[in-house]
Amino acid sequence: MQTYVIEKTDKTVKLGFKDANLTLITPLIKQFNEDSNVVLVRYIDKHPELVDRALYVEVSKGDVMDAIDKAAKAVSEYYSLN
């Protein structure tokens, strides 16, 4: 699975997920919803064979990529073997 930035501003980012399923996306959404700095997280799923799945994330302050990093680390730690 590849993750890539589709579009980014200071407060928003739209991430694309190539060949992704909800196994990774669902825990990320949960982490974003628990972050008080995240104003909006939206899952975008069109026809899976034509368009990659995507997440839209908006923060109230700071860099949106910090919220992405924080959520990714939390999911990684939760699913680690330690």
PDB file of N, CA and C in Angstrom:
ATOM      1  N   MET A   1       0.844  -1.173   0.000  1.00  0.00           N
ATOM      2  CA  MET A   1       0.000   0.000   0.000  1.00  0.00           C
ATOM      3  C   MET A   1       0.889   1.235   0.000  1.00  0.00           C
ATOM      4  N   GLN A   2       0.540   2.185  -0.829  1.00  0.00           N
ATOM      5  CA  GLN A   2       1.246   3.465  -0.881  1.00  0.00           C
ATOM      6  C   GLN A   2       0.333   4.553  -0.331  1.00  0.00           C
ATOM      7  N   THR A   3       0.924   5.462   0.419  1.00  0.00           N
ATOM      8  CA  THR A   3       0.216   6.630   0.913  1.00  0.00           C
ATOM      9  C   THR A   3       0.875   7.849   0.287  1.00  0.00           C
ATOM     10  N   TYR A   4       0.056   8.791  -0.176  1.00  0.00           N
ATOM     11  CA  TYR A   4       0.623   9.972  -0.828  1.00  0.00           C
ATOM     12  C   TYR A   4      -0.279  11.179  -0.578  1.00  0.00           C
ATOM     13  N   VAL A   5       0.314  12.351  -0.672  1.00  0.00           N
ATOM     14  CA  VAL A   5      -0.418  13.603  -0.489  1.00  0.00           C
ATOM     15  C   VAL A   5      -1.021  14.008  -1.829  1.00  0.00           C
ATOM     16  N   ILE A   6      -2.332  14.179  -1.833  1.00  0.00           N
ATOM     17  CA  ILE A   6      -3.039  14.621  -3.034  1.00  0.00           C
ATOM     18  C   ILE A   6      -3.052  16.138  -3.087  1.00  0.00           C
ATOM     19  N   GLU A   7      -3.346  16.742  -1.932  1.00  0.00           N
ATOM     20  CA  GLU A   7      -3.503  18.198  -1.859  1.00  0.00           C
ATOM     21  C   GLU A   7      -3.214  18.629  -0.425  1.00  0.00           C
ATOM     22  N   LYS A   8      -2.497  19.744  -0.241  1.00  0.00           N
ATOM     23  CA  LYS A   8      -2.160  20.218   1.104  1.00  0.00           C
ATOM     24  C   LYS A   8      -2.204  21.730   1.171  1.00  0.00           C
ATOM     25  N   THR A   9      -2.777  22.232   2.271  1.00  0.00           N
ATOM     26  CA  THR A   9      -2.703  23.646   2.627  1.00  0.00           C
ATOM     27  C   THR A   9      -2.119  23.706   4.034  1.00  0.00           C
ATOM     28  N   ASP A  10      -2.107  24.884   4.636  1.00  0.00           N
ATOM     29  CA  ASP A  10      -1.582  25.010   5.999  1.00  0.00           C
ATOM     30  C   ASP A  10      -2.395  24.205   7.010  1.00  0.00           C
ATOM     31  N   LYS A  11      -3.692  24.162   6.844  1.00  0.00           N
ATOM     32  CA  LYS A  11      -4.578  23.534   7.826  1.00  0.00           C
ATOM     33  C   LYS A  11      -5.249  22.254   7.343  1.00  0.00           C
ATOM     34  N   THR A  12      -5.088  21.904   6.082  1.00  0.00           N
ATOM     35  CA  THR A  12      -5.769  20.723   5.547  1.00  0.00           C
ATOM     36  C   THR A  12      -4.818  19.867   4.720  1.00  0.00           C
ATOM     37  N   VAL A  13      -5.163  18.606   4.623  1.00  0.00           N
ATOM     38  CA  VAL A  13      -4.443  17.693   3.746  1.00  0.00           C
ATOM     39  C   VAL A  13      -5.420  16.633   3.255  1.00  0.00           C
ATOM     40  N   LYS A  14      -5.230  16.236   2.024  1.00  0.00           N
ATOM     41  CA  LYS A  14      -5.992  15.128   1.456  1.00  0.00           C
ATOM     42  C   LYS A  14      -4.966  14.057   1.098  1.00  0.00           C
ATOM     43  N   LEU A  15      -5.071  12.906   1.790  1.00  0.00           N
ATOM     44  CA  LEU A  15      -4.140  11.805   1.600  1.00  0.00           C
ATOM     45  C   LEU A  15      -4.771  10.725   0.742  1.00  0.00           C
ATOM     46  N   GLY A  16      -4.014  10.202  -0.199  1.00  0.00           N
ATOM     47  CA  GLY A  16      -4.469   9.096  -1.027  1.00  0.00           C
ATOM     48  C   GLY A  16      -3.859   7.793  -0.553  1.00  0.00           C
ATOM     49  N   PHE A  17      -4.596   6.707  -0.707  1.00  0.00           N
ATOM     50  CA  PHE A  17      -4.142   5.376  -0.309  1.00  0.00           C
ATOM     51  C   PHE A  17      -4.286   4.431  -1.499  1.00  0.00           C
ATOM     52  N   LYS A  18      -3.180   4.053  -2.085  1.00  0.00           N
ATOM     53  CA  LYS A  18      -3.188   3.148  -3.240  1.00  0.00           C
ATOM     54  C   LYS A  18      -3.273   1.712  -2.743  1.00  0.00           C
ATOM     55  N   ASP A  19      -4.224   0.961  -3.268  1.00  0.00           N
ATOM     56  CA  ASP A  19      -4.432  -0.443  -2.901  1.00  0.00           C
ATOM     57  C   ASP A  19      -4.692  -0.630  -1.405  1.00  0.00           C
ATOM     58  N   ALA A  20      -5.438   0.284  -0.809  1.00  0.00           N
ATOM     59  CA  ALA A  20      -5.717   0.221   0.625  1.00  0.00           C
ATOM     60  C   ALA A  20      -7.083  -0.392   0.892  1.00  0.00           C
ATOM     61  N   ASN A  21      -7.209  -0.920   2.111  1.00  0.00           N
ATOM     62  CA  ASN A  21      -8.518  -1.339   2.578  1.00  0.00           C
ATOM     63  C   ASN A  21      -8.769  -0.643   3.914  1.00  0.00           C
ATOM     64  N   LEU A  22      -9.872  -0.910   4.526  1.00  0.00           N
ATOM     65  CA  LEU A  22     -10.241  -0.192   5.749  1.00  0.00           C
ATOM     66  C   LEU A  22      -9.477  -0.649   6.985  1.00  0.00           C
ATOM     67  N   THR A  23      -8.638  -1.667   6.860  1.00  0.00           N
ATOM     68  CA  THR A  23      -7.866  -2.158   7.997  1.00  0.00           C
ATOM     69  C   THR A  23      -6.958  -1.077   8.570  1.00  0.00           C
ATOM     70  N   LEU A  24      -6.405  -0.242   7.749  1.00  0.00           N
ATOM     71  CA  LEU A  24      -5.560   0.860   8.213  1.00  0.00           C
ATOM     72  C   LEU A  24      -6.349   2.156   8.355  1.00  0.00           C
ATOM     73  N   ILE A  25      -7.246   2.398   7.459  1.00  0.00           N
ATOM     74  CA  ILE A  25      -7.954   3.678   7.435  1.00  0.00           C
ATOM     75  C   ILE A  25      -8.863   3.852   8.657  1.00  0.00           C
ATOM     76  N   THR A  26      -9.561   2.807   9.068  1.00  0.00           N
ATOM     77  CA  THR A  26     -10.480   2.911  10.210  1.00  0.00           C
ATOM     78  C   THR A  26      -9.762   3.301  11.508  1.00  0.00           C
ATOM     79  N   PRO A  27      -8.638   2.662  11.885  1.00  0.00           N
ATOM     80  CA  PRO A  27      -7.943   3.095  13.104  1.00  0.00           C
ATOM     81  C   PRO A  27      -7.386   4.523  12.998  1.00  0.00           C
ATOM     82  N   LEU A  28      -6.978   4.937  11.797  1.00  0.00           N
ATOM     83  CA  LEU A  28      -6.515   6.319  11.624  1.00  0.00           C
ATOM     84  C   LEU A  28      -7.650   7.304  11.877  1.00  0.00           C
ATOM     85  N   ILE A  29      -8.823   7.007  11.335  1.00  0.00           N
ATOM     86  CA  ILE A  29      -9.982   7.882  11.559  1.00  0.00           C
ATOM     87  C   ILE A  29     -10.288   7.972  13.050  1.00  0.00           C
ATOM     88  N   LYS A  30     -10.220   6.842  13.747  1.00  0.00           N
ATOM     89  CA  LYS A  30     -10.470   6.831  15.196  1.00  0.00           C
ATOM     90  C   LYS A  30      -9.485   7.750  15.919  1.00  0.00           C
ATOM     91  N   GLN A  31      -8.216   7.678  15.559  1.00  0.00           N
ATOM     92  CA  GLN A  31      -7.208   8.530  16.194  1.00  0.00           C
ATOM     93  C   GLN A  31      -7.455  10.010  15.892  1.00  0.00           C
ATOM     94  N   PHE A  32      -7.822  10.318  14.661  1.00  0.00           N
ATOM     95  CA  PHE A  32      -8.116  11.714  14.318  1.00  0.00           C
ATOM     96  C   PHE A  32      -9.309  12.230  15.125  1.00  0.00           C
ATOM     97  N   ASN A  33     -10.317  11.399  15.303  1.00  0.00           N
ATOM     98  CA  ASN A  33     -11.499  11.804  16.068  1.00  0.00           C
ATOM     99  C   ASN A  33     -11.186  12.031  17.539  1.00  0.00           C
ATOM    100  N   GLU A  34     -10.145  11.402  18.052  1.00  0.00           N
ATOM    101  CA  GLU A  34      -9.737  11.582  19.448  1.00  0.00           C
ATOM    102  C   GLU A  34      -8.817  12.789  19.637  1.00  0.00           C
ATOM    103  N   ASP A  35      -8.318  13.356  18.562  1.00  0.00           N
ATOM    104  CA  ASP A  35      -7.416  14.516  18.626  1.00  0.00           C
ATOM    105  C   ASP A  35      -8.242  15.798  18.650  1.00  0.00           C
ATOM    106  N   SER A  36      -8.150  16.552  19.744  1.00  0.00           N
ATOM    107  CA  SER A  36      -8.947  17.776  19.892  1.00  0.00           C
ATOM    108  C   SER A  36      -8.556  18.858  18.890  1.00  0.00           C
ATOM    109  N   ASN A  37      -7.383  18.760  18.299  1.00  0.00           N
ATOM    110  CA  ASN A  37      -6.930  19.739  17.311  1.00  0.00           C
ATOM    111  C   ASN A  37      -7.516  19.471  15.914  1.00  0.00           C
ATOM    112  N   VAL A  38      -8.009  18.262  15.695  1.00  0.00           N
ATOM    113  CA  VAL A  38      -8.584  17.903  14.392  1.00  0.00           C
ATOM    114  C   VAL A  38     -10.038  18.363  14.339  1.00  0.00           C
ATOM    115  N   VAL A  39     -10.321  19.253  13.422  1.00  0.00           N
ATOM    116  CA  VAL A  39     -11.661  19.814  13.253  1.00  0.00           C
ATOM    117  C   VAL A  39     -12.535  18.882  12.432  1.00  0.00           C
ATOM    118  N   LEU A  40     -11.936  18.266  11.407  1.00  0.00           N
ATOM    119  CA  LEU A  40     -12.710  17.450  10.477  1.00  0.00           C
ATOM    120  C   LEU A  40     -11.834  16.350   9.908  1.00  0.00           C
ATOM    121  N   VAL A  41     -12.379  15.152   9.867  1.00  0.00           N
ATOM    122  CA  VAL A  41     -11.753  14.060   9.133  1.00  0.00           C
ATOM    123  C   VAL A  41     -12.850  13.412   8.300  1.00  0.00           C
ATOM    124  N   ARG A  42     -12.572  13.251   7.038  1.00  0.00           N
ATOM    125  CA  ARG A  42     -13.583  12.709   6.119  1.00  0.00           C
ATOM    126  C   ARG A  42     -12.936  11.610   5.274  1.00  0.00           C
ATOM    127  N   TYR A  43     -13.602  10.474   5.217  1.00  0.00           N
ATOM    128  CA  TYR A  43     -13.167   9.351   4.396  1.00  0.00           C
ATOM    129  C   TYR A  43     -13.833   9.477   3.030  1.00  0.00           C
ATOM    130  N   ILE A  44     -13.035   9.401   1.980  1.00  0.00           N
ATOM    131  CA  ILE A  44     -13.541   9.558   0.621  1.00  0.00           C
ATOM    132  C   ILE A  44     -13.324   8.246  -0.122  1.00  0.00           C
ATOM    133  N   ASP A  45     -14.416   7.627  -0.529  1.00  0.00           N
ATOM    134  CA  ASP A  45     -14.334   6.348  -1.226  1.00  0.00           C
ATOM    135  C   ASP A  45     -15.263   6.376  -2.426  1.00  0.00           C
ATOM    136  N   LYS A  46     -14.661   6.412  -3.578  1.00  0.00           N
ATOM    137  CA  LYS A  46     -15.431   6.342  -4.820  1.00  0.00           C
ATOM    138  C   LYS A  46     -15.249   4.930  -5.369  1.00  0.00           C
ATOM    139  N   HIS A  47     -15.440   4.709  -6.611  1.00  0.00           N
ATOM    140  CA  HIS A  47     -15.281   3.379  -7.177  1.00  0.00           C
ATOM    141  C   HIS A  47     -13.833   2.918  -6.966  1.00  0.00           C
ATOM    142  N   PRO A  48     -13.611   1.817  -6.210  1.00  0.00           N
ATOM    143  CA  PRO A  48     -12.248   1.422  -5.837  1.00  0.00           C
ATOM    144  C   PRO A  48     -11.339   1.027  -6.994  1.00  0.00           C
ATOM    145  N   GLU A  49     -11.899   0.670  -8.118  1.00  0.00           N
ATOM    146  CA  GLU A  49     -11.052   0.316  -9.257  1.00  0.00           C
ATOM    147  C   GLU A  49     -10.698   1.524 -10.121  1.00  0.00           C
ATOM    148  N   LEU A  50     -11.338   2.661  -9.862  1.00  0.00           N
ATOM    149  CA  LEU A  50     -11.090   3.855 -10.666  1.00  0.00           C
ATOM    150  C   LEU A  50     -10.352   4.951  -9.907  1.00  0.00           C
ATOM    151  N   VAL A  51     -10.625   5.080  -8.619  1.00  0.00           N
ATOM    152  CA  VAL A  51     -10.049   6.162  -7.814  1.00  0.00           C
ATOM    153  C   VAL A  51      -9.559   5.585  -6.490  1.00  0.00           C
ATOM    154  N   ASP A  52      -8.354   6.005  -6.060  1.00  0.00           N
ATOM    155  CA  ASP A  52      -7.826   5.553  -4.770  1.00  0.00           C
ATOM    156  C   ASP A  52      -8.656   6.107  -3.620  1.00  0.00           C
ATOM    157  N   ARG A  53      -8.703   5.368  -2.541  1.00  0.00           N
ATOM    158  CA  ARG A  53      -9.368   5.851  -1.335  1.00  0.00           C
ATOM    159  C   ARG A  53      -8.565   7.006  -0.767  1.00  0.00           C
ATOM    160  N   ALA A  54      -9.243   7.883  -0.020  1.00  0.00           N
ATOM    161  CA  ALA A  54      -8.562   9.075   0.482  1.00  0.00           C
ATOM    162  C   ALA A  54      -9.131   9.495   1.829  1.00  0.00           C
ATOM    163  N   LEU A  55      -8.337  10.255   2.570  1.00  0.00           N
ATOM    164  CA  LEU A  55      -8.762  10.898   3.812  1.00  0.00           C
ATOM    165  C   LEU A  55      -8.510  12.390   3.684  1.00  0.00           C
ATOM    166  N   TYR A  56      -9.475  13.169   4.136  1.00  0.00           N
ATOM    167  CA  TYR A  56      -9.341  14.622   4.202  1.00  0.00           C
ATOM    168  C   TYR A  56      -9.272  14.970   5.678  1.00  0.00           C
ATOM    169  N   VAL A  57      -8.244  15.698   6.078  1.00  0.00           N
ATOM    170  CA  VAL A  57      -8.048  16.058   7.482  1.00  0.00           C
ATOM    171  C   VAL A  57      -7.862  17.563   7.578  1.00  0.00           C
ATOM    172  N   GLU A  58      -8.562  18.179   8.539  1.00  0.00           N
ATOM    173  CA  GLU A  58      -8.430  19.609   8.792  1.00  0.00           C
ATOM    174  C   GLU A  58      -8.159  19.818  10.278  1.00  0.00           C
ATOM    175  N   VAL A  59      -7.195  20.703  10.587  1.00  0.00           N
ATOM    176  CA  VAL A  59      -6.860  21.017  11.977  1.00  0.00           C
ATOM    177  C   VAL A  59      -7.205  22.465  12.296  1.00  0.00           C
ATOM    178  N   SER A  60      -7.394  22.743  13.587  1.00  0.00           N
ATOM    179  CA  SER A  60      -7.726  24.106  13.997  1.00  0.00           C
ATOM    180  C   SER A  60      -6.486  24.974  14.166  1.00  0.00           C
ATOM    181  N   LYS A  61      -5.365  24.368  14.554  1.00  0.00           N
ATOM    182  CA  LYS A  61      -4.119  25.130  14.719  1.00  0.00           C
ATOM    183  C   LYS A  61      -2.937  24.215  14.472  1.00  0.00           C
ATOM    184  N   GLY A  62      -1.799  24.812  14.199  1.00  0.00           N
ATOM    185  CA  GLY A  62      -0.593  24.042  13.952  1.00  0.00           C
ATOM    186  C   GLY A  62      -0.555  23.459  12.548  1.00  0.00           C
ATOM    187  N   ASP A  63       0.424  22.598  12.345  1.00  0.00           N
ATOM    188  CA  ASP A  63       0.629  21.966  11.039  1.00  0.00           C
ATOM    189  C   ASP A  63      -0.187  20.689  10.949  1.00  0.00           C
ATOM    190  N   VAL A  64      -0.933  20.544   9.896  1.00  0.00           N
ATOM    191  CA  VAL A  64      -1.781  19.366   9.705  1.00  0.00           C
ATOM    192  C   VAL A  64      -0.937  18.089   9.638  1.00  0.00           C
ATOM    193  N   MET A  65       0.287  18.181   9.155  1.00  0.00           N
ATOM    194  CA  MET A  65       1.134  17.000   9.060  1.00  0.00           C
ATOM    195  C   MET A  65       1.542  16.489  10.444  1.00  0.00           C
ATOM    196  N   ASP A  66       1.556  17.358  11.450  1.00  0.00           N
ATOM    197  CA  ASP A  66       1.813  16.914  12.822  1.00  0.00           C
ATOM    198  C   ASP A  66       0.681  16.011  13.305  1.00  0.00           C
ATOM    199  N   ALA A  67      -0.553  16.339  12.949  1.00  0.00           N
ATOM    200  CA  ALA A  67      -1.700  15.505  13.313  1.00  0.00           C
ATOM    201  C   ALA A  67      -1.625  14.156  12.605  1.00  0.00           C
ATOM    202  N   ILE A  68      -1.186  14.154  11.354  1.00  0.00           N
ATOM    203  CA  ILE A  68      -1.023  12.917  10.596  1.00  0.00           C
ATOM    204  C   ILE A  68       0.030  12.044  11.277  1.00  0.00           C
ATOM    205  N   ASP A  69       1.151  12.645  11.611  1.00  0.00           N
ATOM    206  CA  ASP A  69       2.249  11.930  12.256  1.00  0.00           C
ATOM    207  C   ASP A  69       1.805  11.349  13.603  1.00  0.00           C
ATOM    208  N   LYS A  70       1.107  12.139  14.386  1.00  0.00           N
ATOM    209  CA  LYS A  70       0.629  11.718  15.707  1.00  0.00           C
ATOM    210  C   LYS A  70      -0.319  10.522  15.586  1.00  0.00           C
ATOM    211  N   ALA A  71      -1.248  10.586  14.659  1.00  0.00           N
ATOM    212  CA  ALA A  71      -2.207   9.494  14.465  1.00  0.00           C
ATOM    213  C   ALA A  71      -1.505   8.238  13.969  1.00  0.00           C
ATOM    214  N   ALA A  72      -0.591   8.391  13.029  1.00  0.00           N
ATOM    215  CA  ALA A  72       0.125   7.232  12.479  1.00  0.00           C
ATOM    216  C   ALA A  72       0.959   6.548  13.558  1.00  0.00           C
ATOM    217  N   LYS A  73       1.621   7.328  14.403  1.00  0.00           N
ATOM    218  CA  LYS A  73       2.423   6.746  15.486  1.00  0.00           C
ATOM    219  C   LYS A  73       1.537   6.017  16.490  1.00  0.00           C
ATOM    220  N   ALA A  74       0.387   6.596  16.824  1.00  0.00           N
ATOM    221  CA  ALA A  74      -0.526   5.953  17.772  1.00  0.00           C
ATOM    222  C   ALA A  74      -1.038   4.619  17.238  1.00  0.00           C
ATOM    223  N   VAL A  75      -1.387   4.577  15.976  1.00  0.00           N
ATOM    224  CA  VAL A  75      -1.852   3.324  15.363  1.00  0.00           C
ATOM    225  C   VAL A  75      -0.722   2.310  15.310  1.00  0.00           C
ATOM    226  N   SER A  76       0.463   2.762  14.948  1.00  0.00           N
ATOM    227  CA  SER A  76       1.621   1.878  14.891  1.00  0.00           C
ATOM    228  C   SER A  76       1.934   1.285  16.266  1.00  0.00           C
ATOM    229  N   GLU A  77       1.916   2.104  17.287  1.00  0.00           N
ATOM    230  CA  GLU A  77       2.177   1.624  18.639  1.00  0.00           C
ATOM    231  C   GLU A  77       1.111   0.630  19.105  1.00  0.00           C
ATOM    232  N   TYR A  78      -0.133   0.908  18.794  1.00  0.00           N
ATOM    233  CA  TYR A  78      -1.219   0.037  19.203  1.00  0.00           C
ATOM    234  C   TYR A  78      -1.080  -1.358  18.583  1.00  0.00           C
ATOM    235  N   TYR A  79      -0.669  -1.410  17.326  1.00  0.00           N
ATOM    236  CA  TYR A  79      -0.582  -2.680  16.631  1.00  0.00           C
ATOM    237  C   TYR A  79       0.813  -3.295  16.637  1.00  0.00           C
ATOM    238  N   SER A  80       1.758  -2.719  17.393  1.00  0.00           N
ATOM    239  CA  SER A  80       3.105  -3.273  17.437  1.00  0.00           C
ATOM    240  C   SER A  80       3.108  -4.567  18.265  1.00  0.00           C
ATOM    241  N   LEU A  81       4.119  -5.359  18.095  1.00  0.00           N
ATOM    242  CA  LEU A  81       4.225  -6.648  18.792  1.00  0.00           C
ATOM    243  C   LEU A  81       4.769  -6.538  20.203  1.00  0.00           C
ATOM    244  N   ASN A  82       5.163  -5.379  20.620  1.00  0.00           N
ATOM    245  CA  ASN A  82       5.743  -5.196  21.962  1.00  0.00           C
ATOM    246  C   ASN A  82       4.705  -5.226  23.029  1.00  0.00           C
TER     247      ASN A  82
END
